[in-house]
PDB file of N, CA and C in Angstrom:
ATOM      1  N   MET A   1      14.266   4.269   6.266  1.00  0.00           N
ATOM      2  CA  MET A   1      12.850   4.298   6.554  1.00  0.00           C
ATOM      3  C   MET A   1      12.460   3.128   7.444  1.00  0.00           C
ATOM      4  N   ALA A   2      13.080   1.992   7.277  1.00  0.00           N
ATOM      5  CA  ALA A   2      12.750   0.831   8.085  1.00  0.00           C
ATOM      6  C   ALA A   2      13.088   1.054   9.550  1.00  0.00           C
ATOM      7  N   SER A   3      14.034   1.957   9.824  1.00  0.00           N
ATOM      8  CA  SER A   3      14.435   2.199  11.206  1.00  0.00           C
ATOM      9  C   SER A   3      13.503   3.185  11.916  1.00  0.00           C
ATOM     10  N   GLU A   4      12.594   3.804  11.176  1.00  0.00           N
ATOM     11  CA  GLU A   4      11.651   4.730  11.792  1.00  0.00           C
ATOM     12  C   GLU A   4      10.658   3.977  12.671  1.00  0.00           C
ATOM     13  N   THR A   5      10.293   4.606  13.757  1.00  0.00           N
ATOM     14  CA  THR A   5       9.281   3.999  14.618  1.00  0.00           C
ATOM     15  C   THR A   5       7.899   4.386  14.109  1.00  0.00           C
ATOM     16  N   LYS A   6       6.898   3.680  14.604  1.00  0.00           N
ATOM     17  CA  LYS A   6       5.522   3.980  14.219  1.00  0.00           C
ATOM     18  C   LYS A   6       5.162   5.410  14.623  1.00  0.00           C
ATOM     19  N   THR A   7       5.629   5.844  15.773  1.00  0.00           N
ATOM     20  CA  THR A   7       5.354   7.202  16.249  1.00  0.00           C
ATOM     21  C   THR A   7       5.954   8.244  15.315  1.00  0.00           C
ATOM     22  N   GLU A   8       7.169   8.010  14.846  1.00  0.00           N
ATOM     23  CA  GLU A   8       7.821   8.946  13.918  1.00  0.00           C
ATOM     24  C   GLU A   8       7.063   9.022  12.592  1.00  0.00           C
ATOM     25  N   ARG A   9       6.621   7.873  12.090  1.00  0.00           N
ATOM     26  CA  ARG A   9       5.864   7.859  10.836  1.00  0.00           C
ATOM     27  C   ARG A   9       4.528   8.575  11.006  1.00  0.00           C
ATOM     28  N   THR A  10       3.863   8.329  12.133  1.00  0.00           N
ATOM     29  CA  THR A  10       2.584   8.985  12.402  1.00  0.00           C
ATOM     30  C   THR A  10       2.761  10.490  12.507  1.00  0.00           C
ATOM     31  N   SER A  11       3.816  10.917  13.173  1.00  0.00           N
ATOM     32  CA  SER A  11       4.092  12.348  13.322  1.00  0.00           C
ATOM     33  C   SER A  11       4.339  13.000  11.964  1.00  0.00           C
ATOM     34  N   ALA A  12       5.097  12.350  11.108  1.00  0.00           N
ATOM     35  CA  ALA A  12       5.372  12.889   9.772  1.00  0.00           C
ATOM     36  C   ALA A  12       4.083  12.989   8.958  1.00  0.00           C
ATOM     37  N   LEU A  13       3.228  11.983   9.069  1.00  0.00           N
ATOM     38  CA  LEU A  13       1.953  12.003   8.351  1.00  0.00           C
ATOM     39  C   LEU A  13       1.059  13.126   8.874  1.00  0.00           C
ATOM     40  N   GLU A  14       1.012  13.303  10.176  1.00  0.00           N
ATOM     41  CA  GLU A  14       0.207  14.382  10.760  1.00  0.00           C
ATOM     42  C   GLU A  14       0.704  15.745  10.298  1.00  0.00           C
ATOM     43  N   GLN A  15       2.016  15.924  10.228  1.00  0.00           N
ATOM     44  CA  GLN A  15       2.579  17.197   9.772  1.00  0.00           C
ATOM     45  C   GLN A  15       2.206  17.471   8.318  1.00  0.00           C
ATOM     46  N   PHE A  16       2.128  16.417   7.509  1.00  0.00           N
ATOM     47  CA  PHE A  16       1.747  16.589   6.105  1.00  0.00           C
ATOM     48  C   PHE A  16       0.260  16.915   5.980  1.00  0.00           C
ATOM     49  N   LEU A  17      -0.583  16.205   6.735  1.00  0.00           N
ATOM     50  CA  LEU A  17      -2.029  16.343   6.579  1.00  0.00           C
ATOM     51  C   LEU A  17      -2.614  17.578   7.246  1.00  0.00           C
ATOM     52  N   GLN A  18      -1.989  18.071   8.289  1.00  0.00           N
ATOM     53  CA  GLN A  18      -2.560  19.161   9.077  1.00  0.00           C
ATOM     54  C   GLN A  18      -2.916  20.408   8.258  1.00  0.00           C
ATOM     55  N   PRO A  19      -2.056  20.889   7.347  1.00  0.00           N
ATOM     56  CA  PRO A  19      -2.413  22.118   6.620  1.00  0.00           C
ATOM     57  C   PRO A  19      -3.441  21.923   5.497  1.00  0.00           C
ATOM     58  N   LEU A  20      -3.847  20.691   5.214  1.00  0.00           N
ATOM     59  CA  LEU A  20      -4.782  20.454   4.114  1.00  0.00           C
ATOM     60  C   LEU A  20      -6.202  20.826   4.523  1.00  0.00           C
ATOM     61  N   ASP A  21      -6.971  21.347   3.571  1.00  0.00           N
ATOM     62  CA  ASP A  21      -8.370  21.644   3.864  1.00  0.00           C
ATOM     63  C   ASP A  21      -9.216  20.392   3.623  1.00  0.00           C
ATOM     64  N   SER A  22     -10.501  20.480   3.902  1.00  0.00           N
ATOM     65  CA  SER A  22     -11.360  19.297   3.828  1.00  0.00           C
ATOM     66  C   SER A  22     -11.480  18.750   2.406  1.00  0.00           C
ATOM     67  N   ALA A  23     -11.497  19.611   1.399  1.00  0.00           N
ATOM     68  CA  ALA A  23     -11.586  19.136   0.015  1.00  0.00           C
ATOM     69  C   ALA A  23     -10.330  18.356  -0.375  1.00  0.00           C
ATOM     70  N   GLN A  24      -9.169  18.842   0.044  1.00  0.00           N
ATOM     71  CA  GLN A  24      -7.918  18.146  -0.255  1.00  0.00           C
ATOM     72  C   GLN A  24      -7.870  16.801   0.471  1.00  0.00           C
ATOM     73  N   LEU A  25      -8.328  16.775   1.722  1.00  0.00           N
ATOM     74  CA  LEU A  25      -8.355  15.509   2.465  1.00  0.00           C
ATOM     75  C   LEU A  25      -9.283  14.509   1.793  1.00  0.00           C
ATOM     76  N   LEU A  26     -10.425  14.971   1.322  1.00  0.00           N
ATOM     77  CA  LEU A  26     -11.360  14.094   0.632  1.00  0.00           C
ATOM     78  C   LEU A  26     -10.730  13.526  -0.636  1.00  0.00           C
ATOM     79  N   MET A  27     -10.001  14.353  -1.379  1.00  0.00           N
ATOM     80  CA  MET A  27      -9.310  13.879  -2.581  1.00  0.00           C
ATOM     81  C   MET A  27      -8.272  12.815  -2.228  1.00  0.00           C
ATOM     82  N   MET A  28      -7.549  13.020  -1.119  1.00  0.00           N
ATOM     83  CA  MET A  28      -6.537  12.052  -0.679  1.00  0.00           C
ATOM     84  C   MET A  28      -7.190  10.719  -0.308  1.00  0.00           C
ATOM     85  N   VAL A  29      -8.285  10.775   0.432  1.00  0.00           N
ATOM     86  CA  VAL A  29      -8.984   9.555   0.841  1.00  0.00           C
ATOM     87  C   VAL A  29      -9.509   8.815  -0.381  1.00  0.00           C
ATOM     88  N   HIS A  30     -10.066   9.548  -1.332  1.00  0.00           N
ATOM     89  CA  HIS A  30     -10.579   8.926  -2.549  1.00  0.00           C
ATOM     90  C   HIS A  30      -9.448   8.265  -3.341  1.00  0.00           C
ATOM     91  N   ALA A  31      -8.322   8.957  -3.478  1.00  0.00           N
ATOM     92  CA  ALA A  31      -7.175   8.394  -4.202  1.00  0.00           C
ATOM     93  C   ALA A  31      -6.651   7.146  -3.498  1.00  0.00           C
ATOM     94  N   LEU A  32      -6.595   7.180  -2.173  1.00  0.00           N
ATOM     95  CA  LEU A  32      -6.139   6.010  -1.421  1.00  0.00           C
ATOM     96  C   LEU A  32      -7.108   4.844  -1.601  1.00  0.00           C
ATOM     97  N   HIS A  33      -8.396   5.125  -1.618  1.00  0.00           N
ATOM     98  CA  HIS A  33      -9.396   4.080  -1.854  1.00  0.00           C
ATOM     99  C   HIS A  33      -9.191   3.442  -3.231  1.00  0.00           C
ATOM    100  N   LEU A  34      -8.907   4.259  -4.248  1.00  0.00           N
ATOM    101  CA  LEU A  34      -8.665   3.720  -5.587  1.00  0.00           C
ATOM    102  C   LEU A  34      -7.444   2.803  -5.603  1.00  0.00           C
ATOM    103  N   VAL A  35      -6.407   3.162  -4.854  1.00  0.00           N
ATOM    104  CA  VAL A  35      -5.210   2.317  -4.772  1.00  0.00           C
ATOM    105  C   VAL A  35      -5.573   0.989  -4.126  1.00  0.00           C
ATOM    106  N   ARG A  36      -6.280   1.047  -3.007  1.00  0.00           N
ATOM    107  CA  ARG A  36      -6.597  -0.174  -2.264  1.00  0.00           C
ATOM    108  C   ARG A  36      -7.575  -1.080  -3.006  1.00  0.00           C
ATOM    109  N   SER A  37      -8.438  -0.501  -3.847  1.00  0.00           N
ATOM    110  CA  SER A  37      -9.441  -1.308  -4.535  1.00  0.00           C
ATOM    111  C   SER A  37      -8.990  -1.789  -5.916  1.00  0.00           C
ATOM    112  N   ALA A  38      -7.788  -1.423  -6.335  1.00  0.00           N
ATOM    113  CA  ALA A  38      -7.291  -1.841  -7.651  1.00  0.00           C
ATOM    114  C   ALA A  38      -7.178  -3.365  -7.713  1.00  0.00           C
ATOM    115  N   LYS A  39      -7.618  -3.920  -8.823  1.00  0.00           N
ATOM    116  CA  LYS A  39      -7.660  -5.381  -8.960  1.00  0.00           C
ATOM    117  C   LYS A  39      -6.336  -5.992  -9.420  1.00  0.00           C
ATOM    118  N   SER A  40      -5.565  -5.261 -10.201  1.00  0.00           N
ATOM    119  CA  SER A  40      -4.309  -5.817 -10.703  1.00  0.00           C
ATOM    120  C   SER A  40      -3.133  -4.980 -10.220  1.00  0.00           C
ATOM    121  N   LYS A  41      -1.956  -5.560 -10.307  1.00  0.00           N
ATOM    122  CA  LYS A  41      -0.752  -4.842  -9.882  1.00  0.00           C
ATOM    123  C   LYS A  41      -0.517  -3.610 -10.757  1.00  0.00           C
ATOM    124  N   ALA A  42      -0.788  -3.719 -12.046  1.00  0.00           N
ATOM    125  CA  ALA A  42      -0.598  -2.580 -12.952  1.00  0.00           C
ATOM    126  C   ALA A  42      -1.517  -1.419 -12.573  1.00  0.00           C
ATOM    127  N   TRP A  43      -2.772  -1.726 -12.280  1.00  0.00           N
ATOM    128  CA  TRP A  43      -3.708  -0.676 -11.866  1.00  0.00           C
ATOM    129  C   TRP A  43      -3.297  -0.090 -10.528  1.00  0.00           C
ATOM    130  N   LYS A  44      -2.851  -0.941  -9.623  1.00  0.00           N
ATOM    131  CA  LYS A  44      -2.422  -0.471  -8.302  1.00  0.00           C
ATOM    132  C   LYS A  44      -1.226   0.471  -8.440  1.00  0.00           C
ATOM    133  N   THR A  45      -0.277   0.109  -9.307  1.00  0.00           N
ATOM    134  CA  THR A  45       0.899   0.950  -9.536  1.00  0.00           C
ATOM    135  C   THR A  45       0.493   2.293 -10.128  1.00  0.00           C
ATOM    136  N   ARG A  46      -0.395   2.263 -11.105  1.00  0.00           N
ATOM    137  CA  ARG A  46      -0.860   3.501 -11.737  1.00  0.00           C
ATOM    138  C   ARG A  46      -1.566   4.400 -10.722  1.00  0.00           C
ATOM    139  N   ARG A  47      -2.439   3.816  -9.929  1.00  0.00           N
ATOM    140  CA  ARG A  47      -3.167   4.598  -8.921  1.00  0.00           C
ATOM    141  C   ARG A  47      -2.227   5.136  -7.841  1.00  0.00           C
ATOM    142  N   MET A  48      -1.209   4.354  -7.489  1.00  0.00           N
ATOM    143  CA  MET A  48      -0.244   4.814  -6.488  1.00  0.00           C
ATOM    144  C   MET A  48       0.537   6.011  -7.027  1.00  0.00           C
ATOM    145  N   ARG A  49       0.900   5.970  -8.299  1.00  0.00           N
ATOM    146  CA  ARG A  49       1.592   7.116  -8.904  1.00  0.00           C
ATOM    147  C   ARG A  49       0.706   8.357  -8.871  1.00  0.00           C
ATOM    148  N   GLU A  50      -0.585   8.177  -9.147  1.00  0.00           N
ATOM    149  CA  GLU A  50      -1.515   9.304  -9.092  1.00  0.00           C
ATOM    150  C   GLU A  50      -1.614   9.856  -7.672  1.00  0.00           C
ATOM    151  N   LEU A  51      -1.633   8.972  -6.682  1.00  0.00           N
ATOM    152  CA  LEU A  51      -1.696   9.396  -5.286  1.00  0.00           C
ATOM    153  C   LEU A  51      -0.444  10.176  -4.900  1.00  0.00           C
ATOM    154  N   VAL A  52       0.719   9.690  -5.307  1.00  0.00           N
ATOM    155  CA  VAL A  52       1.979  10.381  -5.000  1.00  0.00           C
ATOM    156  C   VAL A  52       2.004  11.755  -5.674  1.00  0.00           C
ATOM    157  N   ALA A  53       1.545  11.833  -6.915  1.00  0.00           N
ATOM    158  CA  ALA A  53       1.498  13.124  -7.619  1.00  0.00           C
ATOM    159  C   ALA A  53       0.572  14.097  -6.891  1.00  0.00           C
ATOM    160  N   LEU A  54      -0.541  13.597  -6.396  1.00  0.00           N
ATOM    161  CA  LEU A  54      -1.470  14.434  -5.646  1.00  0.00           C
ATOM    162  C   LEU A  54      -0.831  14.934  -4.354  1.00  0.00           C
ATOM    163  N   MET A  55      -0.124  14.055  -3.666  1.00  0.00           N
ATOM    164  CA  MET A  55       0.554  14.441  -2.430  1.00  0.00           C
ATOM    165  C   MET A  55       1.624  15.497  -2.709  1.00  0.00           C
ATOM    166  N   GLU A  56       2.372  15.321  -3.791  1.00  0.00           N
ATOM    167  CA  GLU A  56       3.403  16.300  -4.148  1.00  0.00           C
ATOM    168  C   GLU A  56       2.778  17.649  -4.494  1.00  0.00           C
ATOM    169  N   GLN A  57       1.637  17.616  -5.164  1.00  0.00           N
ATOM    170  CA  GLN A  57       0.937  18.853  -5.519  1.00  0.00           C
ATOM    171  C   GLN A  57       0.501  19.590  -4.252  1.00  0.00           C
ATOM    172  N   PHE A  58      -0.021  18.880  -3.279  1.00  0.00           N
ATOM    173  CA  PHE A  58      -0.481  19.508  -2.041  1.00  0.00           C
ATOM    174  C   PHE A  58       0.686  19.984  -1.186  1.00  0.00           C
ATOM    175  N   ALA A  59       1.823  19.303  -1.281  1.00  0.00           N
ATOM    176  CA  ALA A  59       2.992  19.683  -0.479  1.00  0.00           C
ATOM    177  C   ALA A  59       3.650  20.960  -1.006  1.00  0.00           C
ATOM    178  N   ALA A  60       3.447  21.232  -2.296  1.00  0.00           N
ATOM    179  CA  ALA A  60       4.079  22.425  -2.908  1.00  0.00           C
ATOM    180  C   ALA A  60       3.380  23.709  -2.515  1.00  0.00           C
TER     181      ALA A  60
END
């Protein structure tokens, strides 16, 4: 992953986000906001797990 360029990462993200509808995108943005606003490492880890689970749900 460290060898990926910024363009490759952006392309992969665009491919993931493109098929999502507006409600799913809003849920993703809200989950990301919760991760970024977490005050402790434990809360940040918990919120990140929730975000990953949401992404996996949308990818299926």
